[in-house]
Amino acid sequence: MEGQMISKKYIPFLMGIFIFLGLYLTSLYHYLLFHSLAEIFSITIACGIFMIAWNSRQFIDNNYLLFIGIAYLFVAGVDLIHTLAYKGMGVFEGYETNLATQLWIATRYMVSLSLLIAPVRGGAGEIREEEVDGRACLWGYEAESELQRVVASR
């Protein structure tokens, strides 16, 4: 019985090793497939952050999580466009690697600025009386994403 508990204890660790080994072998076989899998994983995590933040907004008094969740929804959106714009995907013809690189840099700027603004706007560590207006925040990130799209298309 003790031997069964020890083996159950290592199952998540072994699964992680096999997943990383599979990803490594995938990167050796076809880099575009590996890149797409890695980006889809990060998009899934970002959407999960948004879903947790959005569905828990009525239960928490701190707006920091809501602000970060909305930011990561748009990060996931721009990351998805970056994945589709990657050279070899064939979705955006005629842009070569420049569009994908610009979108990746724009996404990293969006993440860093959101994490910089979030403690001030969201009120990390303190309970604020005023709430983050979720719809205004969504529209703000939508406007920023649209501006990035216009700049990247030039």
Foldseek 3Di string as FASTA:
>chain_A
DVVVVVVVVCVVVVVVVVVVVVLVVVCVVPVLVSVLVVLVVLLVVLQVLLVVLVVCVVPDQFQLSNLSSLLSNLLSVLSVVLSCPAPPNPPDPPPYHQLSVLSVVLSVVSNVVSVVCSCVVRVPPDGDPDHDDNVVSNVVSVVVSVVSVVVSVD
